[in-house]
Amino acid sequence: MAEQLYTIPVNDAFTADCECPLCHLNDELERNAIDYTMGPSYMEDDNRAETDRLWFCRNHARILYGEKNRLGLALMMNTHNNKVIADLKKLSGQKPTASGLLKRNKQSSPVGDYISKLEASCFICERIEKTVPRYVDTVFHLWKKDKEFLDKFKGCKGFCTYHYGMLFEASADKLSKAQLDEFLEALNKVYFENMERVNGDVSWFIDKFDYRFKDEPWKNSKDALPRGLIKANHLLISEKK
């Protein structure tokens, strides 16, 4: 099947040497979102309004602080904090209510609700989350339309547990009954075989700290920990560390 623009990143991810193609795609989306955030876009009024409203999660705030554009981060922080101050000044006049006999009956105050929503939002996370479902849809589109993709899927190094679950749950809505059976068989095979492969490497990594095995070869275990974190936590960490 001739590649179209939206299929290229997915095909590339399934031929990359990675422990989870969807983590690989997520990593690229994150990098693109960070570059976009810290590029000239931070001066645009509509983007500034969104960063004022959403701000960044702790993880992405830490990453942005490590980028070169400290002035851009300061400008976004300044207008965001101005908005937070103005919003909370309006809400702070409404006092919180005391808990009832059952603590579960306690109502959040407007201040608490505002801060909870703010803590749960992130400009970069939102940009990523809007695109990931399209990539998942593309996986199923390629599964149905591209015979070559089936071989790529079946030959990949599996998925992290999070993305395995995402594909598993979405499959019933995306595929016919016959397609679903074949897909789940392939998905379960690559997930479990590769989880066991990486976990075996982690086990050998542990054994190498036992004096009885200190002279044994490391085999494939030297980078087992970052690869294991990808499988277990879909953690965006370099597999080469």
C-alpha atoms as a PDB file:
ATOM      1  CA  MET A   1       0.000   0.000   0.000  1.00  0.00           C
ATOM      2  CA  ALA A   2       1.349   3.422  -0.946  1.00  0.00           C
ATOM      3  CA  GLU A   3       2.290   5.412   2.137  1.00  0.00           C
ATOM      4  CA  GLN A   4       0.247   8.477   2.998  1.00  0.00           C
ATOM      5  CA  LEU A   5       1.406  11.311   5.222  1.00  0.00           C
ATOM      6  CA  TYR A   6      -0.347  10.059   8.368  1.00  0.00           C
ATOM      7  CA  THR A   7       0.923   6.469   7.951  1.00  0.00           C
ATOM      8  CA  ILE A   8       4.612   7.336   7.612  1.00  0.00           C
ATOM      9  CA  PRO A   9       5.366   7.978  11.323  1.00  0.00           C
ATOM     10  CA  VAL A  10       3.549   4.788  12.344  1.00  0.00           C
ATOM     11  CA  ASN A  11       5.365   2.661   9.783  1.00  0.00           C
ATOM     12  CA  ASP A  12       8.672   4.208  10.843  1.00  0.00           C
ATOM     13  CA  ALA A  13       7.948   3.501  14.522  1.00  0.00           C
ATOM     14  CA  PHE A  14       7.237  -0.172  13.833  1.00  0.00           C
ATOM     15  CA  THR A  15      10.579  -0.566  12.050  1.00  0.00           C
ATOM     16  CA  ALA A  16      12.530   1.365  14.708  1.00  0.00           C
ATOM     17  CA  ASP A  17      14.696  -0.562  17.168  1.00  0.00           C
ATOM     18  CA  CYS A  18      12.541   0.262  20.186  1.00  0.00           C
ATOM     19  CA  GLU A  19      10.711  -1.552  22.966  1.00  0.00           C
ATOM     20  CA  CYS A  20       7.344   0.048  22.166  1.00  0.00           C
ATOM     21  CA  PRO A  21       6.426   1.700  18.841  1.00  0.00           C
ATOM     22  CA  LEU A  22       3.718   3.811  20.480  1.00  0.00           C
ATOM     23  CA  CYS A  23       6.192   5.044  23.113  1.00  0.00           C
ATOM     24  CA  HIS A  24       8.525   5.876  20.227  1.00  0.00           C
ATOM     25  CA  LEU A  25       5.748   7.926  18.601  1.00  0.00           C
ATOM     26  CA  ASN A  26       4.900   9.532  21.942  1.00  0.00           C
ATOM     27  CA  ASP A  27       8.546  10.481  22.414  1.00  0.00           C
ATOM     28  CA  GLU A  28       8.593  12.214  19.020  1.00  0.00           C
ATOM     29  CA  LEU A  29       5.305  13.987  19.765  1.00  0.00           C
ATOM     30  CA  GLU A  30       6.699  15.225  23.073  1.00  0.00           C
ATOM     31  CA  ARG A  31       9.882  16.524  21.470  1.00  0.00           C
ATOM     32  CA  ASN A  32       7.886  18.290  18.748  1.00  0.00           C
ATOM     33  CA  ALA A  33       5.535  19.797  21.343  1.00  0.00           C
ATOM     34  CA  ILE A  34       8.469  21.060  23.432  1.00  0.00           C
ATOM     35  CA  ASP A  35      10.154  22.581  20.376  1.00  0.00           C
ATOM     36  CA  TYR A  36       6.867  24.208  19.366  1.00  0.00           C
ATOM     37  CA  THR A  37       6.273  25.566  22.868  1.00  0.00           C
ATOM     38  CA  MET A  38       9.740  27.057  23.196  1.00  0.00           C
ATOM     39  CA  GLY A  39       9.903  28.307  19.599  1.00  0.00           C
ATOM     40  CA  PRO A  40       8.459  31.557  18.239  1.00  0.00           C
ATOM     41  CA  SER A  41       4.942  30.277  19.004  1.00  0.00           C
ATOM     42  CA  TYR A  42       5.179  31.450  22.628  1.00  0.00           C
ATOM     43  CA  MET A  43       4.818  35.027  21.355  1.00  0.00           C
ATOM     44  CA  GLU A  44       1.500  34.297  19.600  1.00  0.00           C
ATOM     45  CA  ASP A  45      -1.552  35.512  21.492  1.00  0.00           C
ATOM     46  CA  ASP A  46      -3.629  32.337  21.037  1.00  0.00           C
ATOM     47  CA  ASN A  47      -0.812  30.085  22.282  1.00  0.00           C
ATOM     48  CA  ARG A  48      -0.094  32.386  25.199  1.00  0.00           C
ATOM     49  CA  ALA A  49      -3.757  32.268  26.155  1.00  0.00           C
ATOM     50  CA  GLU A  50      -3.572  28.459  26.207  1.00  0.00           C
ATOM     51  CA  THR A  51      -0.364  28.306  28.260  1.00  0.00           C
ATOM     52  CA  ASP A  52      -1.899  30.866  30.629  1.00  0.00           C
ATOM     53  CA  ARG A  53      -4.915  28.594  31.068  1.00  0.00           C
ATOM     54  CA  LEU A  54      -3.256  25.159  31.110  1.00  0.00           C
ATOM     55  CA  TRP A  55       0.346  25.813  32.151  1.00  0.00           C
ATOM     56  CA  PHE A  56       2.527  22.663  32.366  1.00  0.00           C
ATOM     57  CA  CYS A  57       2.674  19.510  34.456  1.00  0.00           C
ATOM     58  CA  ARG A  58       5.648  19.125  36.798  1.00  0.00           C
ATOM     59  CA  ASN A  59       7.489  16.847  34.383  1.00  0.00           C
ATOM     60  CA  HIS A  60       7.208  19.187  31.416  1.00  0.00           C
ATOM     61  CA  ALA A  61       7.910  22.309  33.492  1.00  0.00           C
ATOM     62  CA  ARG A  62      11.165  20.631  34.547  1.00  0.00           C
ATOM     63  CA  ILE A  63      11.995  19.754  30.929  1.00  0.00           C
ATOM     64  CA  LEU A  64      11.242  23.289  29.718  1.00  0.00           C
ATOM     65  CA  TYR A  65      13.497  24.730  32.412  1.00  0.00           C
ATOM     66  CA  GLY A  66      16.314  22.655  30.910  1.00  0.00           C
ATOM     67  CA  GLU A  67      15.782  24.143  27.451  1.00  0.00           C
ATOM     68  CA  LYS A  68      17.807  27.087  26.162  1.00  0.00           C
ATOM     69  CA  ASN A  69      14.935  29.571  25.903  1.00  0.00           C
ATOM     70  CA  ARG A  70      14.739  30.753  29.517  1.00  0.00           C
ATOM     71  CA  LEU A  71      13.271  34.105  28.401  1.00  0.00           C
ATOM     72  CA  GLY A  72      10.384  32.354  26.646  1.00  0.00           C
ATOM     73  CA  LEU A  73       9.635  30.311  29.759  1.00  0.00           C
ATOM     74  CA  ALA A  74       9.796  33.430  31.936  1.00  0.00           C
ATOM     75  CA  LEU A  75       7.372  35.314  29.679  1.00  0.00           C
ATOM     76  CA  MET A  76       4.887  32.432  29.689  1.00  0.00           C
ATOM     77  CA  MET A  77       5.238  32.027  33.465  1.00  0.00           C
ATOM     78  CA  ASN A  78       4.704  35.732  34.056  1.00  0.00           C
ATOM     79  CA  THR A  79       1.424  35.959  32.138  1.00  0.00           C
ATOM     80  CA  HIS A  80       0.245  32.593  33.522  1.00  0.00           C
ATOM     81  CA  ASN A  81       0.879  33.694  37.101  1.00  0.00           C
ATOM     82  CA  ASN A  82      -0.870  37.016  36.442  1.00  0.00           C
ATOM     83  CA  LYS A  83      -3.946  35.045  35.349  1.00  0.00           C
ATOM     84  CA  VAL A  84      -3.769  32.701  38.355  1.00  0.00           C
ATOM     85  CA  ILE A  85      -3.451  35.612  40.769  1.00  0.00           C
ATOM     86  CA  ALA A  86      -6.412  37.416  39.214  1.00  0.00           C
ATOM     87  CA  ASP A  87      -8.568  34.278  39.117  1.00  0.00           C
ATOM     88  CA  LEU A  88      -7.817  33.214  42.675  1.00  0.00           C
ATOM     89  CA  LYS A  89      -8.374  36.698  44.057  1.00  0.00           C
ATOM     90  CA  LYS A  90     -11.931  36.488  42.719  1.00  0.00           C
ATOM     91  CA  LEU A  91     -12.471  32.987  44.152  1.00  0.00           C
ATOM     92  CA  SER A  92     -10.705  33.398  47.496  1.00  0.00           C
ATOM     93  CA  GLY A  93     -13.609  35.329  49.016  1.00  0.00           C
ATOM     94  CA  GLN A  94     -15.670  32.145  49.070  1.00  0.00           C
ATOM     95  CA  LYS A  95     -14.718  30.233  52.217  1.00  0.00           C
ATOM     96  CA  PRO A  96     -14.205  26.443  52.258  1.00  0.00           C
ATOM     97  CA  THR A  97     -16.864  24.373  54.047  1.00  0.00           C
ATOM     98  CA  ALA A  98     -16.127  22.104  56.986  1.00  0.00           C
ATOM     99  CA  SER A  99     -16.353  18.350  56.554  1.00  0.00           C
ATOM    100  CA  GLY A 100     -19.594  16.651  57.514  1.00  0.00           C
ATOM    101  CA  LEU A 101     -19.869  13.556  59.672  1.00  0.00           C
ATOM    102  CA  LEU A 102     -18.711  11.564  56.663  1.00  0.00           C
ATOM    103  CA  LYS A 103     -15.628  13.086  55.100  1.00  0.00           C
ATOM    104  CA  ARG A 104     -16.688  11.931  51.661  1.00  0.00           C
ATOM    105  CA  ASN A 105     -19.491  14.493  51.840  1.00  0.00           C
ATOM    106  CA  LYS A 106     -17.061  17.408  51.956  1.00  0.00           C
ATOM    107  CA  GLN A 107     -17.516  19.787  49.038  1.00  0.00           C
ATOM    108  CA  SER A 108     -14.455  21.292  47.369  1.00  0.00           C
ATOM    109  CA  SER A 109     -14.214  25.052  47.483  1.00  0.00           C
ATOM    110  CA  PRO A 110     -13.975  27.102  44.256  1.00  0.00           C
ATOM    111  CA  VAL A 111     -10.317  27.694  45.110  1.00  0.00           C
ATOM    112  CA  GLY A 112      -9.709  23.955  45.524  1.00  0.00           C
ATOM    113  CA  ASP A 113     -11.560  23.143  42.300  1.00  0.00           C
ATOM    114  CA  TYR A 114      -9.582  25.753  40.358  1.00  0.00           C
ATOM    115  CA  ILE A 115      -6.228  24.519  41.621  1.00  0.00           C
ATOM    116  CA  SER A 116      -7.144  20.844  41.093  1.00  0.00           C
ATOM    117  CA  LYS A 117      -8.029  21.539  37.455  1.00  0.00           C
ATOM    118  CA  LEU A 118      -4.843  23.516  37.013  1.00  0.00           C
ATOM    119  CA  GLU A 119      -2.723  20.711  38.485  1.00  0.00           C
ATOM    120  CA  ALA A 120      -4.358  18.224  36.100  1.00  0.00           C
ATOM    121  CA  SER A 121      -3.726  20.285  32.956  1.00  0.00           C
ATOM    122  CA  CYS A 122      -0.646  20.734  30.753  1.00  0.00           C
ATOM    123  CA  PHE A 123      -0.233  22.499  27.418  1.00  0.00           C
ATOM    124  CA  ILE A 124       2.272  19.902  26.179  1.00  0.00           C
ATOM    125  CA  CYS A 125       0.379  16.859  27.455  1.00  0.00           C
ATOM    126  CA  GLU A 126      -2.782  18.114  25.758  1.00  0.00           C
ATOM    127  CA  ARG A 127      -1.003  18.492  22.407  1.00  0.00           C
ATOM    128  CA  ILE A 128       0.309  14.930  22.698  1.00  0.00           C
ATOM    129  CA  GLU A 129      -3.013  13.468  23.836  1.00  0.00           C
ATOM    130  CA  LYS A 130      -4.834  14.965  20.845  1.00  0.00           C
ATOM    131  CA  THR A 131      -2.544  13.142  18.406  1.00  0.00           C
ATOM    132  CA  VAL A 132      -2.042   9.729  20.035  1.00  0.00           C
ATOM    133  CA  PRO A 133      -5.591   8.486  19.219  1.00  0.00           C
ATOM    134  CA  ARG A 134      -4.938   9.272  15.544  1.00  0.00           C
ATOM    135  CA  TYR A 135      -1.847   7.094  15.635  1.00  0.00           C
ATOM    136  CA  VAL A 136      -3.820   4.292  17.286  1.00  0.00           C
ATOM    137  CA  ASP A 137      -6.448   4.576  14.542  1.00  0.00           C
ATOM    138  CA  THR A 138      -3.649   4.430  11.968  1.00  0.00           C
ATOM    139  CA  VAL A 139      -2.323   1.189  13.486  1.00  0.00           C
ATOM    140  CA  PHE A 140      -5.706  -0.454  12.897  1.00  0.00           C
ATOM    141  CA  HIS A 141      -6.054   1.134   9.463  1.00  0.00           C
ATOM    142  CA  LEU A 142      -2.697  -0.309   8.423  1.00  0.00           C
ATOM    143  CA  TRP A 143      -3.562  -3.685   9.954  1.00  0.00           C
ATOM    144  CA  LYS A 144      -6.647  -3.879   7.722  1.00  0.00           C
ATOM    145  CA  LYS A 145      -5.155  -2.406   4.546  1.00  0.00           C
ATOM    146  CA  ASP A 146      -1.411  -3.090   4.431  1.00  0.00           C
ATOM    147  CA  LYS A 147      -0.154  -6.685   4.375  1.00  0.00           C
ATOM    148  CA  GLU A 148       3.432  -5.514   4.842  1.00  0.00           C
ATOM    149  CA  PHE A 149       2.443  -3.795   8.064  1.00  0.00           C
ATOM    150  CA  LEU A 150       1.246  -7.098   9.518  1.00  0.00           C
ATOM    151  CA  ASP A 151       4.798  -8.430   9.249  1.00  0.00           C
ATOM    152  CA  LYS A 152       6.167  -5.253  10.867  1.00  0.00           C
ATOM    153  CA  PHE A 153       3.659  -5.547  13.705  1.00  0.00           C
ATOM    154  CA  LYS A 154       4.369  -9.214  14.310  1.00  0.00           C
ATOM    155  CA  GLY A 155       8.123  -8.617  14.150  1.00  0.00           C
ATOM    156  CA  CYS A 156       8.312  -5.619  16.495  1.00  0.00           C
ATOM    157  CA  LYS A 157       9.676  -5.793  20.037  1.00  0.00           C
ATOM    158  CA  GLY A 158       6.238  -5.587  21.574  1.00  0.00           C
ATOM    159  CA  PHE A 159       4.696  -2.804  23.630  1.00  0.00           C
ATOM    160  CA  CYS A 160       4.735  -1.302  27.078  1.00  0.00           C
ATOM    161  CA  THR A 161       1.880  -2.475  29.295  1.00  0.00           C
ATOM    162  CA  TYR A 162       0.020   0.839  28.945  1.00  0.00           C
ATOM    163  CA  HIS A 163      -0.001   0.803  25.135  1.00  0.00           C
ATOM    164  CA  TYR A 164      -0.687  -2.940  25.026  1.00  0.00           C
ATOM    165  CA  GLY A 165      -3.842  -2.216  27.021  1.00  0.00           C
ATOM    166  CA  MET A 166      -4.738   0.706  24.770  1.00  0.00           C
ATOM    167  CA  LEU A 167      -4.533  -1.471  21.636  1.00  0.00           C
ATOM    168  CA  PHE A 168      -6.265  -4.397  23.338  1.00  0.00           C
ATOM    169  CA  GLU A 169      -9.241  -2.292  24.455  1.00  0.00           C
ATOM    170  CA  ALA A 170      -9.618  -0.391  21.155  1.00  0.00           C
ATOM    171  CA  SER A 171      -9.410  -3.472  18.919  1.00  0.00           C
ATOM    172  CA  ALA A 172     -13.044  -4.622  19.293  1.00  0.00           C
ATOM    173  CA  ASP A 173     -14.343  -1.287  17.977  1.00  0.00           C
ATOM    174  CA  LYS A 174     -11.832  -1.035  15.130  1.00  0.00           C
ATOM    175  CA  LEU A 175     -11.811  -4.538  13.619  1.00  0.00           C
ATOM    176  CA  SER A 176     -14.205  -7.150  12.319  1.00  0.00           C
ATOM    177  CA  LYS A 177     -14.567 -10.417  14.235  1.00  0.00           C
ATOM    178  CA  ALA A 178     -12.161 -12.275  11.928  1.00  0.00           C
ATOM    179  CA  GLN A 179      -9.649  -9.414  12.010  1.00  0.00           C
ATOM    180  CA  LEU A 180      -9.992  -9.131  15.777  1.00  0.00           C
ATOM    181  CA  ASP A 181      -9.022 -12.745  16.415  1.00  0.00           C
ATOM    182  CA  GLU A 182      -5.879 -12.472  14.286  1.00  0.00           C
ATOM    183  CA  PHE A 183      -4.954  -9.094  15.773  1.00  0.00           C
ATOM    184  CA  LEU A 184      -5.311 -10.203  19.387  1.00  0.00           C
ATOM    185  CA  GLU A 185      -3.308 -13.335  18.731  1.00  0.00           C
ATOM    186  CA  ALA A 186      -0.480 -11.254  17.259  1.00  0.00           C
ATOM    187  CA  LEU A 187      -0.748  -8.550  19.938  1.00  0.00           C
ATOM    188  CA  ASN A 188      -0.656 -11.027  22.821  1.00  0.00           C
ATOM    189  CA  LYS A 189       2.244 -12.904  21.260  1.00  0.00           C
ATOM    190  CA  VAL A 190       4.502  -9.870  20.776  1.00  0.00           C
ATOM    191  CA  TYR A 191       3.552  -8.366  24.133  1.00  0.00           C
ATOM    192  CA  PHE A 192       4.120 -11.418  26.330  1.00  0.00           C
ATOM    193  CA  GLU A 193       7.174 -12.760  24.489  1.00  0.00           C
ATOM    194  CA  ASN A 194       8.923  -9.412  24.666  1.00  0.00           C
ATOM    195  CA  MET A 195       7.875  -8.628  28.226  1.00  0.00           C
ATOM    196  CA  GLU A 196       9.379 -11.957  29.224  1.00  0.00           C
ATOM    197  CA  ARG A 197      12.508 -11.231  27.156  1.00  0.00           C
ATOM    198  CA  VAL A 198      13.107  -7.872  28.834  1.00  0.00           C
ATOM    199  CA  ASN A 199      12.213  -9.184  32.275  1.00  0.00           C
ATOM    200  CA  GLY A 200      14.702 -12.010  31.746  1.00  0.00           C
ATOM    201  CA  ASP A 201      17.343  -9.369  30.982  1.00  0.00           C
ATOM    202  CA  VAL A 202      16.373  -7.541  34.187  1.00  0.00           C
ATOM    203  CA  SER A 203      16.729 -10.808  36.126  1.00  0.00           C
ATOM    204  CA  TRP A 204      20.228 -11.317  34.740  1.00  0.00           C
ATOM    205  CA  PHE A 205      21.062  -7.665  35.536  1.00  0.00           C
ATOM    206  CA  ILE A 206      20.130  -8.444  39.158  1.00  0.00           C
ATOM    207  CA  ASP A 207      22.151 -11.679  39.151  1.00  0.00           C
ATOM    208  CA  LYS A 208      25.245  -9.804  37.991  1.00  0.00           C
ATOM    209  CA  PHE A 209      25.325  -8.080  41.393  1.00  0.00           C
ATOM    210  CA  ASP A 210      25.724 -11.497  43.009  1.00  0.00           C
ATOM    211  CA  TYR A 211      29.412 -12.370  43.498  1.00  0.00           C
ATOM    212  CA  ARG A 212      28.741 -15.832  42.083  1.00  0.00           C
ATOM    213  CA  PHE A 213      28.039 -14.326  38.653  1.00  0.00           C
ATOM    214  CA  LYS A 214      30.531 -11.441  38.615  1.00  0.00           C
ATOM    215  CA  ASP A 215      32.735 -13.127  36.007  1.00  0.00           C
ATOM    216  CA  GLU A 216      29.820 -14.118  33.763  1.00  0.00           C
ATOM    217  CA  PRO A 217      29.044 -12.050  30.641  1.00  0.00           C
ATOM    218  CA  TRP A 218      26.438  -9.315  30.873  1.00  0.00           C
ATOM    219  CA  LYS A 219      24.602 -10.714  27.828  1.00  0.00           C
ATOM    220  CA  ASN A 220      21.807  -8.243  26.957  1.00  0.00           C
ATOM    221  CA  SER A 221      21.328  -6.934  30.471  1.00  0.00           C
ATOM    222  CA  LYS A 222      23.483  -3.785  30.599  1.00  0.00           C
ATOM    223  CA  ASP A 223      20.606  -1.607  29.380  1.00  0.00           C
ATOM    224  CA  ALA A 224      17.885  -3.810  30.866  1.00  0.00           C
ATOM    225  CA  LEU A 225      16.786  -1.216  33.422  1.00  0.00           C
ATOM    226  CA  PRO A 226      15.821   1.605  30.984  1.00  0.00           C
ATOM    227  CA  ARG A 227      14.215  -0.942  28.661  1.00  0.00           C
ATOM    228  CA  GLY A 228      12.319  -2.402  31.593  1.00  0.00           C
ATOM    229  CA  LEU A 229      11.098   1.052  32.612  1.00  0.00           C
ATOM    230  CA  ILE A 230       9.720   1.560  29.122  1.00  0.00           C
ATOM    231  CA  LYS A 231       7.843  -1.743  29.357  1.00  0.00           C
ATOM    232  CA  ALA A 232       6.545  -1.170  32.884  1.00  0.00           C
ATOM    233  CA  ASN A 233       6.006   2.597  32.993  1.00  0.00           C
ATOM    234  CA  HIS A 234       5.974   3.773  29.343  1.00  0.00           C
ATOM    235  CA  LEU A 235       8.677   6.081  30.666  1.00  0.00           C
ATOM    236  CA  LEU A 236      10.239   8.359  28.103  1.00  0.00           C
ATOM    237  CA  ILE A 237      13.854   7.442  28.679  1.00  0.00           C
ATOM    238  CA  SER A 238      16.612   6.768  26.192  1.00  0.00           C
ATOM    239  CA  GLU A 239      17.091   3.049  25.596  1.00  0.00           C
ATOM    240  CA  LYS A 240      20.774   3.717  24.884  1.00  0.00           C
ATOM    241  CA  LYS A 241      21.614   4.828  28.435  1.00  0.00           C
END
